[in-house]
Every structure is written in C-alpha cells, then in structure tokens.
Amino acid sequence: QLRLVESGGGLVQAGGSLRLSCAASGSNFRANVMGWYRQAPGKLRELGATITSGDSTNYADAVKGRFTISRDNVKNTGYLQMNSLKPEDTAVYYCNAKYGFVLHWGQGTRVTVSS
C-alpha cells in the first residue's frame, strides 16, 4: 500500500528556513506529479507548489521566490525548501503524489513561524 510520510516541520523564527521531505513507499512507479499544500488554522487547504515527473514546477504566488520544490526519483522523495519564512507561512504542510489517476496524501507536518 502506498504511503507518503512528511517530515522536517517545526518551529522557526521569521526569516529562517526549513526543508520539508515527503518519502513515498509501497510503489515501484514514479509519481506523475508531486505537490505541497498547506492549511492554516481556520483556512482552506491551499496550493504551495507542484513538480511533475519531468521536473516542471509551479508555485503559488504567496511562496514564489522563497520556496523551492524538488524531487529525488531514486529515493522516491519530494522536498520543499522554504526560505525567508514569514508568520503567515504557519500551517500544516501536506504532500501529495499522483500515480495514474489516484491522488495520495500524507498526514501532514506542522510548520510554525514566530515573529
């Protein structure tokens, strides 16, 4: 059974950096698309960034220029490098991965940015 496990969240001061990881297990196939979404308290889940199997990337305006999405297809792991963090980046960050027509989600990792 395919699983996605996020890690790397935590508490950081404004202006700091964190690197999130999303490890996929249980599949011998490469995800078509991997993505990072986030959900702040009291808000809807929103897009952070996505990356295709061909390494084409897409970023939400709120994170463009500060966050970088990448993937290691050998390790079956996706990453989100987050720099210049702001208090408004505080949220639970979820990774997802699309295999064929099926979208899988991880359990989330919490990021808290203090001012």
PDB file of N, CA and C in Angstrom:
ATOM      1  N   GLN A   1       0.846  -1.186   0.000  1.00  0.00           N
ATOM      2  CA  GLN A   1       0.000   0.000   0.000  1.00  0.00           C
ATOM      3  C   GLN A   1       0.882   1.238   0.000  1.00  0.00           C
ATOM      4  N   LEU A   2       0.568   2.192  -0.865  1.00  0.00           N
ATOM      5  CA  LEU A   2       1.389   3.386  -0.981  1.00  0.00           C
ATOM      6  C   LEU A   2       1.211   4.295   0.231  1.00  0.00           C
ATOM      7  N   ARG A   3       2.314   4.806   0.744  1.00  0.00           N
ATOM      8  CA  ARG A   3       2.294   5.743   1.859  1.00  0.00           C
ATOM      9  C   ARG A   3       3.175   6.930   1.550  1.00  0.00           C
ATOM     10  N   LEU A   4       2.734   8.088   2.010  1.00  0.00           N
ATOM     11  CA  LEU A   4       3.542   9.305   1.953  1.00  0.00           C
ATOM     12  C   LEU A   4       3.765   9.783   3.373  1.00  0.00           C
ATOM     13  N   VAL A   5       5.009  10.012   3.730  1.00  0.00           N
ATOM     14  CA  VAL A   5       5.333  10.441   5.087  1.00  0.00           C
ATOM     15  C   VAL A   5       6.144  11.727   5.013  1.00  0.00           C
ATOM     16  N   GLU A   6       5.558  12.794   5.576  1.00  0.00           N
ATOM     17  CA  GLU A   6       6.257  14.082   5.609  1.00  0.00           C
ATOM     18  C   GLU A   6       7.107  14.189   6.866  1.00  0.00           C
ATOM     19  N   SER A   7       8.153  14.978   6.762  1.00  0.00           N
ATOM     20  CA  SER A   7       8.999  15.284   7.924  1.00  0.00           C
ATOM     21  C   SER A   7       9.663  16.626   7.687  1.00  0.00           C
ATOM     22  N   GLY A   8      10.248  17.165   8.753  1.00  0.00           N
ATOM     23  CA  GLY A   8      11.018  18.400   8.620  1.00  0.00           C
ATOM     24  C   GLY A   8      10.335  19.640   9.160  1.00  0.00           C
ATOM     25  N   GLY A   9       9.083  19.507   9.590  1.00  0.00           N
ATOM     26  CA  GLY A   9       8.410  20.657  10.150  1.00  0.00           C
ATOM     27  C   GLY A   9       8.958  21.024  11.511  1.00  0.00           C
ATOM     28  N   GLY A  10       8.514  22.171  12.011  1.00  0.00           N
ATOM     29  CA  GLY A  10       8.973  22.595  13.331  1.00  0.00           C
ATOM     30  C   GLY A  10       8.707  24.058  13.548  1.00  0.00           C
ATOM     31  N   LEU A  11       9.360  24.588  14.581  1.00  0.00           N
ATOM     32  CA  LEU A  11       9.226  25.994  14.945  1.00  0.00           C
ATOM     33  C   LEU A  11      10.468  26.747  14.474  1.00  0.00           C
ATOM     34  N   VAL A  12      10.254  27.860  13.800  1.00  0.00           N
ATOM     35  CA  VAL A  12      11.362  28.656  13.287  1.00  0.00           C
ATOM     36  C   VAL A  12      10.999  30.125  13.396  1.00  0.00           C
ATOM     37  N   GLN A  13      11.992  30.971  13.550  1.00  0.00           N
ATOM     38  CA  GLN A  13      11.756  32.405  13.608  1.00  0.00           C
ATOM     39  C   GLN A  13      11.559  32.962  12.197  1.00  0.00           C
ATOM     40  N   ALA A  14      10.858  34.062  12.133  1.00  0.00           N
ATOM     41  CA  ALA A  14      10.659  34.734  10.854  1.00  0.00           C
ATOM     42  C   ALA A  14      12.016  35.022  10.209  1.00  0.00           C
ATOM     43  N   GLY A  15      12.091  34.789   8.912  1.00  0.00           N
ATOM     44  CA  GLY A  15      13.342  34.949   8.197  1.00  0.00           C
ATOM     45  C   GLY A  15      14.164  33.679   8.103  1.00  0.00           C
ATOM     46  N   GLY A  16      13.775  32.681   8.848  1.00  0.00           N
ATOM     47  CA  GLY A  16      14.519  31.425   8.865  1.00  0.00           C
ATOM     48  C   GLY A  16      14.115  30.500   7.731  1.00  0.00           C
ATOM     49  N   SER A  17      14.678  29.292   7.773  1.00  0.00           N
ATOM     50  CA  SER A  17      14.467  28.305   6.718  1.00  0.00           C
ATOM     51  C   SER A  17      14.131  26.947   7.310  1.00  0.00           C
ATOM     52  N   LEU A  18      13.394  26.183   6.538  1.00  0.00           N
ATOM     53  CA  LEU A  18      13.125  24.784   6.848  1.00  0.00           C
ATOM     54  C   LEU A  18      13.110  24.004   5.548  1.00  0.00           C
ATOM     55  N   ARG A  19      13.423  22.722   5.641  1.00  0.00           N
ATOM     56  CA  ARG A  19      13.328  21.841   4.481  1.00  0.00           C
ATOM     57  C   ARG A  19      12.401  20.686   4.822  1.00  0.00           C
ATOM     58  N   LEU A  20      11.321  20.596   4.109  1.00  0.00           N
ATOM     59  CA  LEU A  20      10.374  19.509   4.310  1.00  0.00           C
ATOM     60  C   LEU A  20      10.694  18.364   3.356  1.00  0.00           C
ATOM     61  N   SER A  21      10.471  17.147   3.825  1.00  0.00           N
ATOM     62  CA  SER A  21      10.662  15.963   2.996  1.00  0.00           C
ATOM     63  C   SER A  21       9.370  15.168   2.937  1.00  0.00           C
ATOM     64  N   CYS A  22       9.163  14.485   1.830  1.00  0.00           N
ATOM     65  CA  CYS A  22       7.993  13.627   1.653  1.00  0.00           C
ATOM     66  C   CYS A  22       8.476  12.317   1.051  1.00  0.00           C
ATOM     67  N   ALA A  23       8.537  11.288   1.865  1.00  0.00           N
ATOM     68  CA  ALA A  23       9.036   9.987   1.425  1.00  0.00           C
ATOM     69  C   ALA A  23       7.881   9.089   1.015  1.00  0.00           C
ATOM     70  N   ALA A  24       7.948   8.575  -0.197  1.00  0.00           N
ATOM     71  CA  ALA A  24       6.911   7.675  -0.715  1.00  0.00           C
ATOM     72  C   ALA A  24       7.396   6.238  -0.617  1.00  0.00           C
ATOM     73  N   SER A  25       6.532   5.366  -0.156  1.00  0.00           N
ATOM     74  CA  SER A  25       6.866   3.947  -0.084  1.00  0.00           C
ATOM     75  C   SER A  25       5.678   3.127  -0.549  1.00  0.00           C
ATOM     76  N   GLY A  26       5.959   1.893  -0.984  1.00  0.00           N
ATOM     77  CA  GLY A  26       4.890   0.994  -1.377  1.00  0.00           C
ATOM     78  C   GLY A  26       4.550   1.029  -2.849  1.00  0.00           C
ATOM     79  N   SER A  27       5.378   1.696  -3.657  1.00  0.00           N
ATOM     80  CA  SER A  27       5.121   1.705  -5.095  1.00  0.00           C
ATOM     81  C   SER A  27       6.452   1.630  -5.834  1.00  0.00           C
ATOM     82  N   ASN A  28       6.462   0.880  -6.922  1.00  0.00           N
ATOM     83  CA  ASN A  28       7.642   0.802  -7.768  1.00  0.00           C
ATOM     84  C   ASN A  28       7.600   1.825  -8.900  1.00  0.00           C
ATOM     85  N   PHE A  29       6.532   2.602  -8.950  1.00  0.00           N
ATOM     86  CA  PHE A  29       6.346   3.550 -10.037  1.00  0.00           C
ATOM     87  C   PHE A  29       6.663   4.964  -9.574  1.00  0.00           C
ATOM     88  N   ARG A  30       7.000   5.800 -10.528  1.00  0.00           N
ATOM     89  CA  ARG A  30       7.299   7.200 -10.249  1.00  0.00           C
ATOM     90  C   ARG A  30       6.001   7.987 -10.283  1.00  0.00           C
ATOM     91  N   ALA A  31       5.829   8.877  -9.312  1.00  0.00           N
ATOM     92  CA  ALA A  31       4.635   9.706  -9.284  1.00  0.00           C
ATOM     93  C   ALA A  31       4.629  10.640 -10.491  1.00  0.00           C
ATOM     94  N   ASN A  32       3.453  10.817 -11.090  1.00  0.00           N
ATOM     95  CA  ASN A  32       3.338  11.763 -12.204  1.00  0.00           C
ATOM     96  C   ASN A  32       3.599  13.183 -11.718  1.00  0.00           C
ATOM     97  N   VAL A  33       2.961  13.516 -10.620  1.00  0.00           N
ATOM     98  CA  VAL A  33       3.088  14.858 -10.051  1.00  0.00           C
ATOM     99  C   VAL A  33       3.204  14.725  -8.539  1.00  0.00           C
ATOM    100  N   MET A  34       4.083  15.499  -7.962  1.00  0.00           N
ATOM    101  CA  MET A  34       4.144  15.614  -6.501  1.00  0.00           C
ATOM    102  C   MET A  34       3.867  17.071  -6.144  1.00  0.00           C
ATOM    103  N   GLY A  35       3.235  17.260  -5.012  1.00  0.00           N
ATOM    104  CA  GLY A  35       2.894  18.623  -4.638  1.00  0.00           C
ATOM    105  C   GLY A  35       2.946  18.839  -3.148  1.00  0.00           C
ATOM    106  N   TRP A  36       3.031  20.075  -2.776  1.00  0.00           N
ATOM    107  CA  TRP A  36       2.953  20.504  -1.381  1.00  0.00           C
ATOM    108  C   TRP A  36       1.799  21.484  -1.247  1.00  0.00           C
ATOM    109  N   TYR A  37       0.942  21.216  -0.289  1.00  0.00           N
ATOM    110  CA  TYR A  37      -0.181  22.083   0.034  1.00  0.00           C
ATOM    111  C   TYR A  37      -0.062  22.444   1.506  1.00  0.00           C
ATOM    112  N   ARG A  38      -0.787  23.485   1.898  1.00  0.00           N
ATOM    113  CA  ARG A  38      -0.747  23.873   3.299  1.00  0.00           C
ATOM    114  C   ARG A  38      -2.125  24.326   3.748  1.00  0.00           C
ATOM    115  N   GLN A  39      -2.354  24.156   5.045  1.00  0.00           N
ATOM    116  CA  GLN A  39      -3.629  24.558   5.631  1.00  0.00           C
ATOM    117  C   GLN A  39      -3.362  25.279   6.935  1.00  0.00           C
ATOM    118  N   ALA A  40      -3.651  26.562   6.933  1.00  0.00           N
ATOM    119  CA  ALA A  40      -3.500  27.368   8.137  1.00  0.00           C
ATOM    120  C   ALA A  40      -4.757  27.227   8.996  1.00  0.00           C
ATOM    121  N   PRO A  41      -4.656  27.497  10.285  1.00  0.00           N
ATOM    122  CA  PRO A  41      -5.822  27.378  11.161  1.00  0.00           C
ATOM    123  C   PRO A  41      -6.989  28.218  10.657  1.00  0.00           C
ATOM    124  N   GLY A  42      -8.150  27.590  10.539  1.00  0.00           N
ATOM    125  CA  GLY A  42      -9.351  28.293  10.119  1.00  0.00           C
ATOM    126  C   GLY A  42      -9.429  28.604   8.645  1.00  0.00           C
ATOM    127  N   LYS A  43      -8.492  28.081   7.868  1.00  0.00           N
ATOM    128  CA  LYS A  43      -8.489  28.368   6.430  1.00  0.00           C
ATOM    129  C   LYS A  43      -8.547  27.074   5.628  1.00  0.00           C
ATOM    130  N   LEU A  44      -8.864  27.223   4.360  1.00  0.00           N
ATOM    131  CA  LEU A  44      -8.895  26.082   3.467  1.00  0.00           C
ATOM    132  C   LEU A  44      -7.481  25.675   3.078  1.00  0.00           C
ATOM    133  N   ARG A  45      -7.346  24.421   2.690  1.00  0.00           N
ATOM    134  CA  ARG A  45      -6.058  23.945   2.201  1.00  0.00           C
ATOM    135  C   ARG A  45      -5.766  24.637   0.877  1.00  0.00           C
ATOM    136  N   GLU A  46      -4.521  25.074   0.716  1.00  0.00           N
ATOM    137  CA  GLU A  46      -4.155  25.805  -0.486  1.00  0.00           C
ATOM    138  C   GLU A  46      -2.863  25.259  -1.081  1.00  0.00           C
ATOM    139  N   LEU A  47      -2.713  25.504  -2.354  1.00  0.00           N
ATOM    140  CA  LEU A  47      -1.528  25.051  -3.071  1.00  0.00           C
ATOM    141  C   LEU A  47      -0.287  25.788  -2.602  1.00  0.00           C
ATOM    142  N   GLY A  48       0.810  25.014  -2.465  1.00  0.00           N
ATOM    143  CA  GLY A  48       2.114  25.626  -2.255  1.00  0.00           C
ATOM    144  C   GLY A  48       2.911  25.550  -3.535  1.00  0.00           C
ATOM    145  N   ALA A  49       3.178  24.306  -3.974  1.00  0.00           N
ATOM    146  CA  ALA A  49       3.971  24.100  -5.186  1.00  0.00           C
ATOM    147  C   ALA A  49       3.754  22.688  -5.692  1.00  0.00           C
ATOM    148  N   THR A  50       3.987  22.509  -6.996  1.00  0.00           N
ATOM    149  CA  THR A  50       3.925  21.178  -7.586  1.00  0.00           C
ATOM    150  C   THR A  50       5.123  20.968  -8.494  1.00  0.00           C
ATOM    151  N   ILE A  51       5.443  19.693  -8.720  1.00  0.00           N
ATOM    152  CA  ILE A  51       6.535  19.337  -9.624  1.00  0.00           C
ATOM    153  C   ILE A  51       6.136  18.071 -10.369  1.00  0.00           C
ATOM    154  N   THR A  52       6.347  18.074 -11.675  1.00  0.00           N
ATOM    155  CA  THR A  52       5.986  16.912 -12.486  1.00  0.00           C
ATOM    156  C   THR A  52       7.150  15.932 -12.557  1.00  0.00           C
ATOM    157  N   SER A  53       6.892  14.796 -13.189  1.00  0.00           N
ATOM    158  CA  SER A  53       7.948  13.804 -13.365  1.00  0.00           C
ATOM    159  C   SER A  53       9.047  14.329 -14.282  1.00  0.00           C
ATOM    160  N   GLY A  54       8.721  15.346 -15.089  1.00  0.00           N
ATOM    161  CA  GLY A  54       9.712  15.976 -15.943  1.00  0.00           C
ATOM    162  C   GLY A  54      10.353  17.207 -15.326  1.00  0.00           C
ATOM    163  N   ASP A  55      10.100  17.397 -14.026  1.00  0.00           N
ATOM    164  CA  ASP A  55      10.684  18.490 -13.241  1.00  0.00           C
ATOM    165  C   ASP A  55      10.151  19.876 -13.610  1.00  0.00           C
ATOM    166  N   SER A  56       8.983  19.932 -14.212  1.00  0.00           N
ATOM    167  CA  SER A  56       8.325  21.227 -14.390  1.00  0.00           C
ATOM    168  C   SER A  56       7.684  21.614 -13.067  1.00  0.00           C
ATOM    169  N   THR A  57       7.877  22.873 -12.672  1.00  0.00           N
ATOM    170  CA  THR A  57       7.392  23.314 -11.368  1.00  0.00           C
ATOM    171  C   THR A  57       6.347  24.420 -11.508  1.00  0.00           C
ATOM    172  N   ASN A  58       5.541  24.510 -10.453  1.00  0.00           N
ATOM    173  CA  ASN A  58       4.517  25.547 -10.382  1.00  0.00           C
ATOM    174  C   ASN A  58       4.421  25.989  -8.935  1.00  0.00           C
ATOM    175  N   TYR A  59       4.332  27.306  -8.721  1.00  0.00           N
ATOM    176  CA  TYR A  59       4.304  27.847  -7.369  1.00  0.00           C
ATOM    177  C   TYR A  59       3.116  28.781  -7.180  1.00  0.00           C
ATOM    178  N   ALA A  60       2.559  28.748  -5.995  1.00  0.00           N
ATOM    179  CA  ALA A  60       1.576  29.752  -5.629  1.00  0.00           C
ATOM    180  C   ALA A  60       2.284  31.092  -5.488  1.00  0.00           C
ATOM    181  N   ASP A  61       1.570  32.154  -5.788  1.00  0.00           N
ATOM    182  CA  ASP A  61       2.177  33.488  -5.703  1.00  0.00           C
ATOM    183  C   ASP A  61       2.721  33.769  -4.306  1.00  0.00           C
ATOM    184  N   ALA A  62       2.059  33.254  -3.290  1.00  0.00           N
ATOM    185  CA  ALA A  62       2.443  33.552  -1.909  1.00  0.00           C
ATOM    186  C   ALA A  62       3.821  33.001  -1.547  1.00  0.00           C
ATOM    187  N   VAL A  63       4.293  31.994  -2.275  1.00  0.00           N
ATOM    188  CA  VAL A  63       5.567  31.362  -1.922  1.00  0.00           C
ATOM    189  C   VAL A  63       6.613  31.520  -3.006  1.00  0.00           C
ATOM    190  N   LYS A  64       6.218  32.048  -4.146  1.00  0.00           N
ATOM    191  CA  LYS A  64       7.133  32.174  -5.281  1.00  0.00           C
ATOM    192  C   LYS A  64       8.335  33.012  -4.895  1.00  0.00           C
ATOM    193  N   GLY A  65       9.519  32.507  -5.242  1.00  0.00           N
ATOM    194  CA  GLY A  65      10.743  33.228  -4.931  1.00  0.00           C
ATOM    195  C   GLY A  65      11.317  32.911  -3.568  1.00  0.00           C
ATOM    196  N   ARG A  66      10.540  32.253  -2.721  1.00  0.00           N
ATOM    197  CA  ARG A  66      11.018  31.901  -1.377  1.00  0.00           C
ATOM    198  C   ARG A  66      11.098  30.387  -1.183  1.00  0.00           C
ATOM    199  N   PHE A  67      10.189  29.654  -1.807  1.00  0.00           N
ATOM    200  CA  PHE A  67      10.135  28.200  -1.674  1.00  0.00           C
ATOM    201  C   PHE A  67      10.631  27.554  -2.953  1.00  0.00           C
ATOM    202  N   THR A  68      11.270  26.400  -2.804  1.00  0.00           N
ATOM    203  CA  THR A  68      11.727  25.630  -3.949  1.00  0.00           C
ATOM    204  C   THR A  68      11.317  24.174  -3.782  1.00  0.00           C
ATOM    205  N   ILE A  69      10.595  23.656  -4.760  1.00  0.00           N
ATOM    206  CA  ILE A  69      10.181  22.254  -4.732  1.00  0.00           C
ATOM    207  C   ILE A  69      11.151  21.441  -5.588  1.00  0.00           C
ATOM    208  N   SER A  70      11.435  20.238  -5.132  1.00  0.00           N
ATOM    209  CA  SER A  70      12.325  19.360  -5.889  1.00  0.00           C
ATOM    210  C   SER A  70      11.943  17.916  -5.579  1.00  0.00           C
ATOM    211  N   ARG A  71      12.526  16.995  -6.324  1.00  0.00           N
ATOM    212  CA  ARG A  71      12.251  15.586  -6.085  1.00  0.00           C
ATOM    213  C   ARG A  71      13.475  14.764  -6.442  1.00  0.00           C
ATOM    214  N   ASP A  72      13.628  13.670  -5.733  1.00  0.00           N
ATOM    215  CA  ASP A  72      14.688  12.709  -5.997  1.00  0.00           C
ATOM    216  C   ASP A  72      13.999  11.402  -6.380  1.00  0.00           C
ATOM    217  N   ASN A  73      13.988  11.084  -7.660  1.00  0.00           N
ATOM    218  CA  ASN A  73      13.242   9.919  -8.124  1.00  0.00           C
ATOM    219  C   ASN A  73      13.905   8.609  -7.714  1.00  0.00           C
ATOM    220  N   VAL A  74      15.190   8.642  -7.439  1.00  0.00           N
ATOM    221  CA  VAL A  74      15.873   7.428  -6.969  1.00  0.00           C
ATOM    222  C   VAL A  74      15.417   7.106  -5.548  1.00  0.00           C
ATOM    223  N   LYS A  75      15.345   8.136  -4.722  1.00  0.00           N
ATOM    224  CA  LYS A  75      14.921   7.946  -3.332  1.00  0.00           C
ATOM    225  C   LYS A  75      13.408   7.971  -3.179  1.00  0.00           C
ATOM    226  N   ASN A  76      12.688   8.299  -4.267  1.00  0.00           N
ATOM    227  CA  ASN A  76      11.226   8.399  -4.206  1.00  0.00           C
ATOM    228  C   ASN A  76      10.799   9.398  -3.129  1.00  0.00           C
ATOM    229  N   THR A  77      11.459  10.534  -3.123  1.00  0.00           N
ATOM    230  CA  THR A  77      11.235  11.544  -2.090  1.00  0.00           C
ATOM    231  C   THR A  77      11.092  12.915  -2.729  1.00  0.00           C
ATOM    232  N   GLY A  78      10.138  13.686  -2.218  1.00  0.00           N
ATOM    233  CA  GLY A  78       9.979  15.061  -2.630  1.00  0.00           C
ATOM    234  C   GLY A  78      10.423  15.995  -1.521  1.00  0.00           C
ATOM    235  N   TYR A  79      10.796  17.212  -1.902  1.00  0.00           N
ATOM    236  CA  TYR A  79      11.304  18.177  -0.939  1.00  0.00           C
ATOM    237  C   TYR A  79      10.656  19.540  -1.168  1.00  0.00           C
ATOM    238  N   LEU A  80      10.591  20.303  -0.082  1.00  0.00           N
ATOM    239  CA  LEU A  80      10.195  21.698  -0.180  1.00  0.00           C
ATOM    240  C   LEU A  80      11.168  22.501   0.667  1.00  0.00           C
ATOM    241  N   GLN A  81      12.036  23.244   0.011  1.00  0.00           N
ATOM    242  CA  GLN A  81      12.959  24.147   0.701  1.00  0.00           C
ATOM    243  C   GLN A  81      12.246  25.471   0.903  1.00  0.00           C
ATOM    244  N   MET A  82      12.121  25.880   2.141  1.00  0.00           N
ATOM    245  CA  MET A  82      11.389  27.103   2.474  1.00  0.00           C
ATOM    246  C   MET A  82      12.352  28.095   3.096  1.00  0.00           C
ATOM    247  N   ASN A  83      12.557  29.208   2.440  1.00  0.00           N
ATOM    248  CA  ASN A  83      13.435  30.269   2.914  1.00  0.00           C
ATOM    249  C   ASN A  83      12.639  31.530   3.195  1.00  0.00           C
ATOM    250  N   SER A  84      13.261  32.443   3.921  1.00  0.00           N
ATOM    251  CA  SER A  84      12.621  33.728   4.236  1.00  0.00           C
ATOM    252  C   SER A  84      11.206  33.519   4.765  1.00  0.00           C
ATOM    253  N   LEU A  85      11.076  32.628   5.716  1.00  0.00           N
ATOM    254  CA  LEU A  85       9.753  32.281   6.232  1.00  0.00           C
ATOM    255  C   LEU A  85       9.114  33.457   6.949  1.00  0.00           C
ATOM    256  N   LYS A  86       7.798  33.532   6.829  1.00  0.00           N
ATOM    257  CA  LYS A  86       7.003  34.598   7.434  1.00  0.00           C
ATOM    258  C   LYS A  86       5.987  33.970   8.388  1.00  0.00           C
ATOM    259  N   PRO A  87       5.509  34.736   9.359  1.00  0.00           N
ATOM    260  CA  PRO A  87       4.482  34.190  10.260  1.00  0.00           C
ATOM    261  C   PRO A  87       3.265  33.664   9.498  1.00  0.00           C
ATOM    262  N   GLU A  88       2.938  34.266   8.378  1.00  0.00           N
ATOM    263  CA  GLU A  88       1.774  33.805   7.608  1.00  0.00           C
ATOM    264  C   GLU A  88       2.013  32.479   6.888  1.00  0.00           C
ATOM    265  N   ASP A  89       3.241  31.975   6.945  1.00  0.00           N
ATOM    266  CA  ASP A  89       3.515  30.639   6.407  1.00  0.00           C
ATOM    267  C   ASP A  89       3.160  29.547   7.419  1.00  0.00           C
ATOM    268  N   THR A  90       2.795  29.943   8.625  1.00  0.00           N
ATOM    269  CA  THR A  90       2.410  28.973   9.642  1.00  0.00           C
ATOM    270  C   THR A  90       1.216  28.156   9.172  1.00  0.00           C
ATOM    271  N   ALA A  91       1.370  26.830   9.174  1.00  0.00           N
ATOM    272  CA  ALA A  91       0.319  25.948   8.663  1.00  0.00           C
ATOM    273  C   ALA A  91       0.762  24.501   8.848  1.00  0.00           C
ATOM    274  N   VAL A  92      -0.158  23.600   8.603  1.00  0.00           N
ATOM    275  CA  VAL A  92       0.203  22.199   8.428  1.00  0.00           C
ATOM    276  C   VAL A  92       0.458  21.992   6.936  1.00  0.00           C
ATOM    277  N   TYR A  93       1.614  21.438   6.627  1.00  0.00           N
ATOM    278  CA  TYR A  93       2.006  21.231   5.243  1.00  0.00           C
ATOM    279  C   TYR A  93       1.804  19.758   4.870  1.00  0.00           C
ATOM    280  N   TYR A  94       1.121  19.560   3.761  1.00  0.00           N
ATOM    281  CA  TYR A  94       0.806  18.215   3.284  1.00  0.00           C
ATOM    282  C   TYR A  94       1.465  17.991   1.926  1.00  0.00           C
ATOM    283  N   CYS A  95       2.025  16.820   1.744  1.00  0.00           N
ATOM    284  CA  CYS A  95       2.469  16.473   0.401  1.00  0.00           C
ATOM    285  C   CYS A  95       1.434  15.562  -0.239  1.00  0.00           C
ATOM    286  N   ASN A  96       1.370  15.609  -1.540  1.00  0.00           N
ATOM    287  CA  ASN A  96       0.560  14.644  -2.268  1.00  0.00           C
ATOM    288  C   ASN A  96       1.322  14.154  -3.480  1.00  0.00           C
ATOM    289  N   ALA A  97       0.869  13.042  -3.998  1.00  0.00           N
ATOM    290  CA  ALA A  97       1.515  12.441  -5.162  1.00  0.00           C
ATOM    291  C   ALA A  97       0.451  11.739  -5.991  1.00  0.00           C
ATOM    292  N   LYS A  98       0.507  11.972  -7.287  1.00  0.00           N
ATOM    293  CA  LYS A  98      -0.469  11.390  -8.198  1.00  0.00           C
ATOM    294  C   LYS A  98       0.179  10.249  -8.966  1.00  0.00           C
ATOM    295  N   TYR A  99      -0.390   9.065  -8.787  1.00  0.00           N
ATOM    296  CA  TYR A  99       0.058   7.890  -9.507  1.00  0.00           C
ATOM    297  C   TYR A  99      -1.086   7.480 -10.432  1.00  0.00           C
ATOM    298  N   GLY A 100      -0.902   7.650 -11.730  1.00  0.00           N
ATOM    299  CA  GLY A 100      -2.001   7.395 -12.639  1.00  0.00           C
ATOM    300  C   GLY A 100      -3.118   8.381 -12.368  1.00  0.00           C
ATOM    301  N   PHE A 101      -4.301   7.860 -12.028  1.00  0.00           N
ATOM    302  CA  PHE A 101      -5.440   8.727 -11.737  1.00  0.00           C
ATOM    303  C   PHE A 101      -5.706   8.863 -10.243  1.00  0.00           C
ATOM    304  N   VAL A 102      -4.840   8.275  -9.431  1.00  0.00           N
ATOM    305  CA  VAL A 102      -5.069   8.250  -7.986  1.00  0.00           C
ATOM    306  C   VAL A 102      -4.154   9.251  -7.294  1.00  0.00           C
ATOM    307  N   LEU A 103      -4.759  10.078  -6.444  1.00  0.00           N
ATOM    308  CA  LEU A 103      -4.021  11.086  -5.686  1.00  0.00           C
ATOM    309  C   LEU A 103      -3.900  10.620  -4.245  1.00  0.00           C
ATOM    310  N   HIS A 104      -2.672  10.564  -3.754  1.00  0.00           N
ATOM    311  CA  HIS A 104      -2.412  10.152  -2.382  1.00  0.00           C
ATOM    312  C   HIS A 104      -1.937  11.350  -1.570  1.00  0.00           C
ATOM    313  N   TRP A 105      -2.285  11.342  -0.281  1.00  0.00           N
ATOM    314  CA  TRP A 105      -1.891  12.418   0.622  1.00  0.00           C
ATOM    315  C   TRP A 105      -1.116  11.860   1.809  1.00  0.00           C
ATOM    316  N   GLY A 106      -0.189  12.682   2.303  1.00  0.00           N
ATOM    317  CA  GLY A 106       0.479  12.359   3.549  1.00  0.00           C
ATOM    318  C   GLY A 106      -0.332  12.873   4.724  1.00  0.00           C
ATOM    319  N   GLN A 107       0.188  12.653   5.919  1.00  0.00           N
ATOM    320  CA  GLN A 107      -0.540  13.010   7.132  1.00  0.00           C
ATOM    321  C   GLN A 107      -0.282  14.454   7.567  1.00  0.00           C
ATOM    322  N   GLY A 108       0.716  15.088   6.978  1.00  0.00           N
ATOM    323  CA  GLY A 108       0.996  16.483   7.280  1.00  0.00           C
ATOM    324  C   GLY A 108       2.114  16.664   8.292  1.00  0.00           C
ATOM    325  N   THR A 109       2.785  17.794   8.187  1.00  0.00           N
ATOM    326  CA  THR A 109       3.809  18.185   9.165  1.00  0.00           C
ATOM    327  C   THR A 109       3.594  19.664   9.481  1.00  0.00           C
ATOM    328  N   ARG A 110       3.668  19.989  10.756  1.00  0.00           N
ATOM    329  CA  ARG A 110       3.326  21.345  11.183  1.00  0.00           C
ATOM    330  C   ARG A 110       4.539  22.252  11.107  1.00  0.00           C
ATOM    331  N   VAL A 111       4.301  23.442  10.550  1.00  0.00           N
ATOM    332  CA  VAL A 111       5.321  24.494  10.492  1.00  0.00           C
ATOM    333  C   VAL A 111       4.778  25.711  11.227  1.00  0.00           C
ATOM    334  N   THR A 112       5.553  26.193  12.186  1.00  0.00           N
ATOM    335  CA  THR A 112       5.175  27.379  12.942  1.00  0.00           C
ATOM    336  C   THR A 112       6.281  28.413  12.812  1.00  0.00           C
ATOM    337  N   VAL A 113       5.916  29.591  12.345  1.00  0.00           N
ATOM    338  CA  VAL A 113       6.889  30.669  12.171  1.00  0.00           C
ATOM    339  C   VAL A 113       6.560  31.767  13.172  1.00  0.00           C
ATOM    340  N   SER A 114       7.486  32.033  14.058  1.00  0.00           N
ATOM    341  CA  SER A 114       7.271  33.056  15.078  1.00  0.00           C
ATOM    342  C   SER A 114       7.802  34.397  14.600  1.00  0.00           C
ATOM    343  N   SER A 115       7.140  35.457  15.061  1.00  0.00           N
ATOM    344  CA  SER A 115       7.561  36.813  14.638  1.00  0.00           C
ATOM    345  C   SER A 115       8.592  37.393  15.575  1.00  0.00           C
TER     346      SER A 115
END
